């Protein structure tokens, strides 16, 4: 399995790499890399933070008020209990699907257990 992956990867590199270097310039002409006067496309810098939005919905309260609120809720035990609660089940069928008709003939799974009943 591993050898097939290596062979496939080597074949991909052998065919794709030369094709990447064989691409012509955008305007159809290839500029001489040693010509200092050759036209060069402008360098455009776009900051990754250009679309950053500051999250300003939270109101900052004093630490005493926050501690008092946690105490009213029940402290760390309330948060621990909340973390132990299971997530609500999500029904994978669309709401308008007919649930009375099964998608396929339901058959017991025959796998490792070889038909053993699991109660």
N, C-alpha and C. Protein backbone atom coordinates (compact mmCIF):
# COMPACT_ATOMS: atom_id res chain seq x y z
N UNK A 1 0.82 -1.18 0.00
CA UNK A 1 0.00 0.00 0.00
C UNK A 1 0.87 1.25 0.00
N UNK A 2 1.88 1.25 0.88
CA UNK A 2 2.76 2.40 0.98
C UNK A 2 3.57 2.58 -0.31
N UNK A 3 3.99 1.47 -0.90
CA UNK A 3 4.77 1.55 -2.14
C UNK A 3 3.93 2.12 -3.27
N UNK A 4 2.66 1.78 -3.32
CA UNK A 4 1.79 2.34 -4.36
C UNK A 4 1.66 3.85 -4.20
N UNK A 5 1.56 4.29 -2.96
CA UNK A 5 1.48 5.72 -2.71
C UNK A 5 2.74 6.43 -3.18
N UNK A 6 3.89 5.87 -2.88
CA UNK A 6 5.17 6.47 -3.28
C UNK A 6 5.27 6.52 -4.81
N UNK A 7 4.88 5.43 -5.46
CA UNK A 7 4.94 5.39 -6.93
C UNK A 7 3.98 6.42 -7.53
N UNK A 8 2.77 6.51 -6.99
CA UNK A 8 1.80 7.47 -7.50
C UNK A 8 2.28 8.90 -7.29
N UNK A 9 2.86 9.18 -6.12
CA UNK A 9 3.36 10.52 -5.83
C UNK A 9 4.53 10.87 -6.75
N UNK A 10 5.42 9.95 -6.99
CA UNK A 10 6.55 10.20 -7.88
C UNK A 10 6.07 10.44 -9.31
N UNK A 11 5.08 9.67 -9.74
CA UNK A 11 4.53 9.86 -11.09
C UNK A 11 3.87 11.22 -11.21
N UNK A 12 3.17 11.63 -10.17
CA UNK A 12 2.54 12.95 -10.18
C UNK A 12 3.59 14.06 -10.29
N UNK A 13 4.63 13.97 -9.48
CA UNK A 13 5.67 14.99 -9.52
C UNK A 13 6.39 15.01 -10.86
N UNK A 14 6.62 13.84 -11.43
CA UNK A 14 7.33 13.76 -12.71
C UNK A 14 6.52 14.39 -13.84
N UNK A 15 5.19 14.35 -13.75
CA UNK A 15 4.38 14.91 -14.83
C UNK A 15 3.93 16.34 -14.55
N UNK A 16 3.64 16.67 -13.30
CA UNK A 16 3.08 17.99 -13.00
C UNK A 16 4.14 19.09 -12.91
N UNK A 17 5.29 18.78 -12.37
CA UNK A 17 6.31 19.81 -12.18
C UNK A 17 6.78 20.42 -13.50
N UNK A 18 7.11 19.64 -14.53
CA UNK A 18 7.52 20.28 -15.78
C UNK A 18 6.41 21.11 -16.42
N UNK A 19 5.17 20.71 -16.24
CA UNK A 19 4.07 21.47 -16.81
C UNK A 19 3.91 22.82 -16.12
N UNK A 20 4.23 22.90 -14.87
CA UNK A 20 4.12 24.17 -14.15
C UNK A 20 5.15 25.17 -14.67
N UNK A 21 6.33 24.73 -15.01
CA UNK A 21 7.35 25.64 -15.52
C UNK A 21 7.14 25.97 -16.99
N UNK A 22 6.34 25.21 -17.68
CA UNK A 22 6.16 25.42 -19.11
C UNK A 22 5.05 26.41 -19.42
N UNK A 23 4.48 27.06 -18.42
CA UNK A 23 3.38 27.99 -18.65
C UNK A 23 3.92 29.29 -19.25
N UNK A 24 3.27 29.79 -20.30
CA UNK A 24 3.71 31.05 -20.90
C UNK A 24 3.31 32.24 -20.03
N UNK A 25 3.87 33.40 -20.31
CA UNK A 25 3.53 34.62 -19.58
C UNK A 25 2.10 35.01 -19.90
N UNK A 26 1.53 35.88 -19.06
CA UNK A 26 0.13 36.25 -19.22
C UNK A 26 -0.12 36.98 -20.54
N UNK A 27 0.83 37.80 -20.99
CA UNK A 27 0.63 38.54 -22.23
C UNK A 27 1.11 37.76 -23.46
N UNK A 28 1.57 36.55 -23.29
CA UNK A 28 1.98 35.71 -24.41
C UNK A 28 3.46 35.79 -24.72
N UNK A 29 4.16 36.82 -24.27
CA UNK A 29 5.59 36.93 -24.54
C UNK A 29 6.37 36.59 -23.28
N UNK A 30 7.52 36.00 -23.47
CA UNK A 30 8.37 35.64 -22.34
C UNK A 30 9.46 36.70 -22.22
N UNK A 31 9.53 37.35 -21.04
CA UNK A 31 10.53 38.39 -20.81
C UNK A 31 11.87 37.75 -20.52
N UNK A 32 12.93 38.42 -20.95
CA UNK A 32 14.28 37.95 -20.68
C UNK A 32 14.61 38.24 -19.23
N UNK A 33 14.93 37.23 -18.43
CA UNK A 33 15.19 37.49 -17.02
C UNK A 33 16.43 38.32 -16.76
N UNK A 34 17.33 38.43 -17.73
CA UNK A 34 18.54 39.22 -17.53
C UNK A 34 18.38 40.66 -18.00
N UNK A 35 17.22 41.00 -18.57
CA UNK A 35 16.97 42.36 -19.04
C UNK A 35 16.43 43.19 -17.89
N UNK A 36 17.20 44.20 -17.47
CA UNK A 36 16.79 45.05 -16.36
C UNK A 36 15.62 45.96 -16.72
N UNK A 37 15.40 46.19 -17.99
CA UNK A 37 14.34 47.08 -18.45
C UNK A 37 13.07 46.30 -18.81
N UNK A 38 13.04 45.03 -18.57
CA UNK A 38 11.87 44.21 -18.93
C UNK A 38 10.67 44.62 -18.07
N UNK A 39 9.48 44.65 -18.69
CA UNK A 39 8.30 45.02 -17.91
C UNK A 39 7.96 43.93 -16.88
N UNK A 40 7.61 44.37 -15.70
CA UNK A 40 7.30 43.46 -14.61
C UNK A 40 5.90 43.82 -14.10
N UNK A 41 5.07 42.84 -13.83
CA UNK A 41 3.75 43.17 -13.30
C UNK A 41 3.89 43.81 -11.92
N UNK A 42 2.99 44.73 -11.59
CA UNK A 42 3.10 45.40 -10.29
C UNK A 42 2.84 44.42 -9.14
N UNK A 43 3.54 44.66 -8.06
CA UNK A 43 3.37 43.84 -6.86
C UNK A 43 2.21 44.43 -6.07
N UNK A 44 1.22 43.61 -5.80
CA UNK A 44 0.06 44.08 -5.05
C UNK A 44 0.04 43.37 -3.71
N UNK A 45 0.09 44.15 -2.66
CA UNK A 45 0.05 43.59 -1.31
C UNK A 45 -1.35 43.81 -0.75
N UNK A 46 -1.93 42.74 -0.27
CA UNK A 46 -3.23 42.83 0.40
C UNK A 46 -3.06 42.24 1.78
N UNK A 47 -3.31 43.03 2.78
CA UNK A 47 -3.13 42.59 4.16
C UNK A 47 -4.14 41.52 4.51
N UNK A 48 -3.72 40.48 5.21
CA UNK A 48 -4.69 39.47 5.64
C UNK A 48 -5.67 40.01 6.67
N UNK A 49 -5.37 41.15 7.25
CA UNK A 49 -6.26 41.76 8.23
C UNK A 49 -7.16 42.83 7.62
N UNK A 50 -7.22 42.91 6.29
CA UNK A 50 -8.00 43.95 5.64
C UNK A 50 -9.48 43.83 5.96
N UNK A 51 -10.02 42.64 6.10
CA UNK A 51 -11.44 42.44 6.37
C UNK A 51 -11.72 42.17 7.84
N UNK A 52 -10.80 42.46 8.71
CA UNK A 52 -10.96 42.20 10.13
C UNK A 52 -12.04 43.10 10.72
N UNK A 53 -12.94 42.48 11.47
CA UNK A 53 -13.98 43.25 12.15
C UNK A 53 -13.78 43.08 13.66
N UNK A 54 -13.81 44.17 14.36
CA UNK A 54 -13.63 44.14 15.81
C UNK A 54 -14.91 43.63 16.44
N UNK A 55 -14.80 42.70 17.37
CA UNK A 55 -15.95 42.19 18.09
C UNK A 55 -16.25 43.14 19.23
N UNK A 56 -17.32 43.90 19.10
CA UNK A 56 -17.60 44.92 20.10
C UNK A 56 -18.94 44.69 20.79
N UNK A 57 -19.54 43.52 20.65
CA UNK A 57 -20.83 43.25 21.27
C UNK A 57 -20.72 43.01 22.77
N UNK A 58 -19.61 42.54 23.24
CA UNK A 58 -19.45 42.23 24.65
C UNK A 58 -19.27 43.51 25.46
N UNK A 59 -19.99 43.54 26.58
CA UNK A 59 -19.79 44.66 27.49
C UNK A 59 -18.86 44.20 28.59
N UNK A 60 -17.95 45.04 28.95
CA UNK A 60 -16.96 44.71 29.96
C UNK A 60 -17.52 45.11 31.32
N UNK A 61 -17.54 44.14 32.23
CA UNK A 61 -17.99 44.42 33.59
C UNK A 61 -16.81 44.24 34.53
N UNK A 62 -17.00 44.70 35.74
CA UNK A 62 -15.91 44.58 36.70
C UNK A 62 -15.76 43.12 37.13
N UNK A 63 -14.61 42.78 37.61
CA UNK A 63 -14.36 41.38 37.98
C UNK A 63 -15.18 40.97 39.18
N UNK A 64 -15.51 41.92 40.05
CA UNK A 64 -16.33 41.60 41.21
C UNK A 64 -17.75 41.21 40.77
N UNK A 65 -18.32 41.98 39.84
CA UNK A 65 -19.65 41.65 39.34
C UNK A 65 -19.65 40.29 38.64
N UNK A 66 -18.59 40.01 37.89
CA UNK A 66 -18.50 38.73 37.20
C UNK A 66 -18.40 37.58 38.19
N UNK A 67 -17.59 37.73 39.22
CA UNK A 67 -17.48 36.69 40.25
C UNK A 67 -18.80 36.49 40.98
N UNK A 68 -19.50 37.58 41.29
CA UNK A 68 -20.79 37.46 41.96
C UNK A 68 -21.80 36.73 41.06
N UNK A 69 -21.76 37.00 39.78
CA UNK A 69 -22.67 36.33 38.83
C UNK A 69 -22.38 34.83 38.78
N UNK A 70 -21.12 34.47 38.75
CA UNK A 70 -20.74 33.05 38.75
C UNK A 70 -21.20 32.40 40.04
N UNK A 71 -21.10 33.09 41.15
CA UNK A 71 -21.57 32.56 42.42
C UNK A 71 -23.07 32.35 42.43
N UNK A 72 -23.84 33.28 41.84
CA UNK A 72 -25.29 33.12 41.76
C UNK A 72 -25.67 31.94 40.88
N UNK A 73 -24.92 31.73 39.80
CA UNK A 73 -25.21 30.62 38.89
C UNK A 73 -24.95 29.29 39.57
N UNK A 74 -23.95 29.21 40.40
CA UNK A 74 -23.63 27.96 41.08
C UNK A 74 -22.16 27.64 41.05
N UNK A 75 -21.36 28.56 40.59
CA UNK A 75 -19.92 28.35 40.59
C UNK A 75 -19.45 27.36 39.53
N UNK A 76 -18.28 26.81 39.78
CA UNK A 76 -17.69 25.91 38.78
C UNK A 76 -18.49 24.63 38.65
N UNK A 77 -19.26 24.25 39.69
CA UNK A 77 -20.05 23.03 39.61
C UNK A 77 -21.14 23.14 38.54
N UNK A 78 -21.72 24.33 38.40
CA UNK A 78 -22.75 24.54 37.38
C UNK A 78 -22.14 24.38 35.99
N UNK A 79 -20.94 24.92 35.79
CA UNK A 79 -20.29 24.78 34.49
C UNK A 79 -19.90 23.33 34.22
N UNK A 80 -19.46 22.61 35.26
CA UNK A 80 -19.10 21.21 35.09
C UNK A 80 -20.33 20.38 34.76
N UNK A 81 -21.46 20.66 35.42
CA UNK A 81 -22.70 19.94 35.14
C UNK A 81 -23.16 20.22 33.71
N UNK A 82 -23.03 21.46 33.28
CA UNK A 82 -23.41 21.84 31.92
C UNK A 82 -22.55 21.11 30.90
N UNK A 83 -21.28 20.93 31.20
CA UNK A 83 -20.37 20.23 30.27
C UNK A 83 -20.70 18.75 30.19
N UNK A 84 -21.27 18.17 31.26
CA UNK A 84 -21.59 16.75 31.28
C UNK A 84 -22.89 16.43 30.55
N UNK A 85 -23.73 17.43 30.31
CA UNK A 85 -25.01 17.18 29.64
C UNK A 85 -24.75 16.80 28.19
N UNK A 86 -25.49 15.79 27.68
CA UNK A 86 -25.30 15.39 26.28
C UNK A 86 -25.84 16.45 25.33
N UNK A 87 -25.26 16.47 24.16
CA UNK A 87 -25.73 17.39 23.13
C UNK A 87 -27.11 16.93 22.66
N UNK A 88 -28.00 17.86 22.28
CA UNK A 88 -29.30 17.44 21.78
C UNK A 88 -29.14 16.67 20.47
N UNK A 89 -29.94 15.61 20.33
CA UNK A 89 -29.86 14.79 19.14
C UNK A 89 -30.42 15.56 17.94
N UNK A 90 -29.75 15.40 16.82
CA UNK A 90 -30.17 16.06 15.59
C UNK A 90 -30.76 15.00 14.68
N UNK A 91 -31.99 15.23 14.20
CA UNK A 91 -32.66 14.29 13.31
C UNK A 91 -32.07 14.46 11.91
N UNK A 92 -31.42 13.42 11.35
CA UNK A 92 -30.78 13.56 10.04
C UNK A 92 -31.76 13.62 8.87
N UNK A 93 -33.02 13.25 9.08
CA UNK A 93 -33.98 13.28 7.98
C UNK A 93 -34.57 14.67 7.85
N UNK A 94 -34.85 15.10 6.63
CA UNK A 94 -35.46 16.42 6.44
C UNK A 94 -36.86 16.43 7.07
N UNK A 95 -37.36 17.60 7.46
CA UNK A 95 -38.65 17.65 8.13
C UNK A 95 -39.81 17.17 7.26
N UNK A 96 -39.71 17.30 5.94
CA UNK A 96 -40.81 16.90 5.08
C UNK A 96 -40.66 15.46 4.56
N UNK A 97 -39.69 14.71 5.04
CA UNK A 97 -39.48 13.35 4.57
C UNK A 97 -40.51 12.42 5.21
N UNK A 98 -40.93 11.42 4.46
CA UNK A 98 -41.89 10.44 4.95
C UNK A 98 -41.13 9.41 5.77
N UNK A 99 -41.35 9.40 7.09
CA UNK A 99 -40.59 8.52 7.97
C UNK A 99 -41.17 7.12 8.03
N UNK A 100 -42.37 6.89 7.45
CA UNK A 100 -42.99 5.58 7.54
C UNK A 100 -42.37 4.60 6.55
N UNK A 101 -41.70 5.08 5.51
CA UNK A 101 -41.11 4.20 4.51
C UNK A 101 -39.60 4.12 4.76
N UNK A 102 -39.07 2.91 5.06
CA UNK A 102 -37.62 2.82 5.28
C UNK A 102 -36.85 3.04 3.99
N UNK A 103 -35.63 3.54 4.11
CA UNK A 103 -34.81 3.82 2.94
C UNK A 103 -34.41 2.54 2.23
N UNK A 104 -34.17 1.47 2.95
CA UNK A 104 -33.81 0.19 2.36
C UNK A 104 -34.31 -0.91 3.29
N UNK A 105 -34.25 -2.13 2.83
CA UNK A 105 -34.70 -3.24 3.66
C UNK A 105 -33.73 -3.38 4.82
N UNK A 106 -34.23 -3.21 6.02
CA UNK A 106 -33.39 -3.29 7.21
C UNK A 106 -33.06 -4.75 7.49
N UNK A 107 -31.80 -5.08 7.53
CA UNK A 107 -31.35 -6.43 7.83
C UNK A 107 -30.36 -6.35 8.98
N UNK A 108 -30.33 -7.37 9.81
CA UNK A 108 -29.35 -7.34 10.90
C UNK A 108 -27.94 -7.36 10.34
N UNK A 109 -27.07 -6.63 11.01
CA UNK A 109 -25.70 -6.53 10.54
C UNK A 109 -24.94 -7.81 10.87
N UNK A 110 -24.30 -8.38 9.88
CA UNK A 110 -23.49 -9.58 10.07
C UNK A 110 -22.04 -9.17 9.94
N UNK A 111 -21.39 -9.05 11.03
CA UNK A 111 -20.00 -8.61 10.99
C UNK A 111 -19.17 -9.47 11.91
N UNK A 112 -18.48 -8.85 12.81
CA UNK A 112 -17.61 -9.57 13.74
C UNK A 112 -18.39 -10.49 14.66
N UNK A 113 -19.61 -10.10 15.02
CA UNK A 113 -20.36 -10.86 16.01
C UNK A 113 -20.98 -12.12 15.41
N UNK A 114 -21.01 -12.27 14.14
CA UNK A 114 -21.53 -13.46 13.46
C UNK A 114 -22.93 -13.84 13.92
N UNK A 115 -23.79 -12.86 14.03
CA UNK A 115 -25.18 -13.12 14.37
C UNK A 115 -25.47 -13.21 15.84
N UNK A 116 -24.53 -12.94 16.72
CA UNK A 116 -24.78 -12.97 18.15
C UNK A 116 -25.74 -11.85 18.52
N UNK A 117 -26.65 -12.15 19.40
CA UNK A 117 -27.60 -11.14 19.84
C UNK A 117 -26.92 -10.22 20.83
N UNK A 118 -27.19 -8.96 20.68
CA UNK A 118 -26.64 -7.98 21.61
C UNK A 118 -27.82 -7.28 22.29
N UNK A 119 -28.01 -7.56 23.56
CA UNK A 119 -29.14 -6.96 24.30
C UNK A 119 -28.64 -5.88 25.20
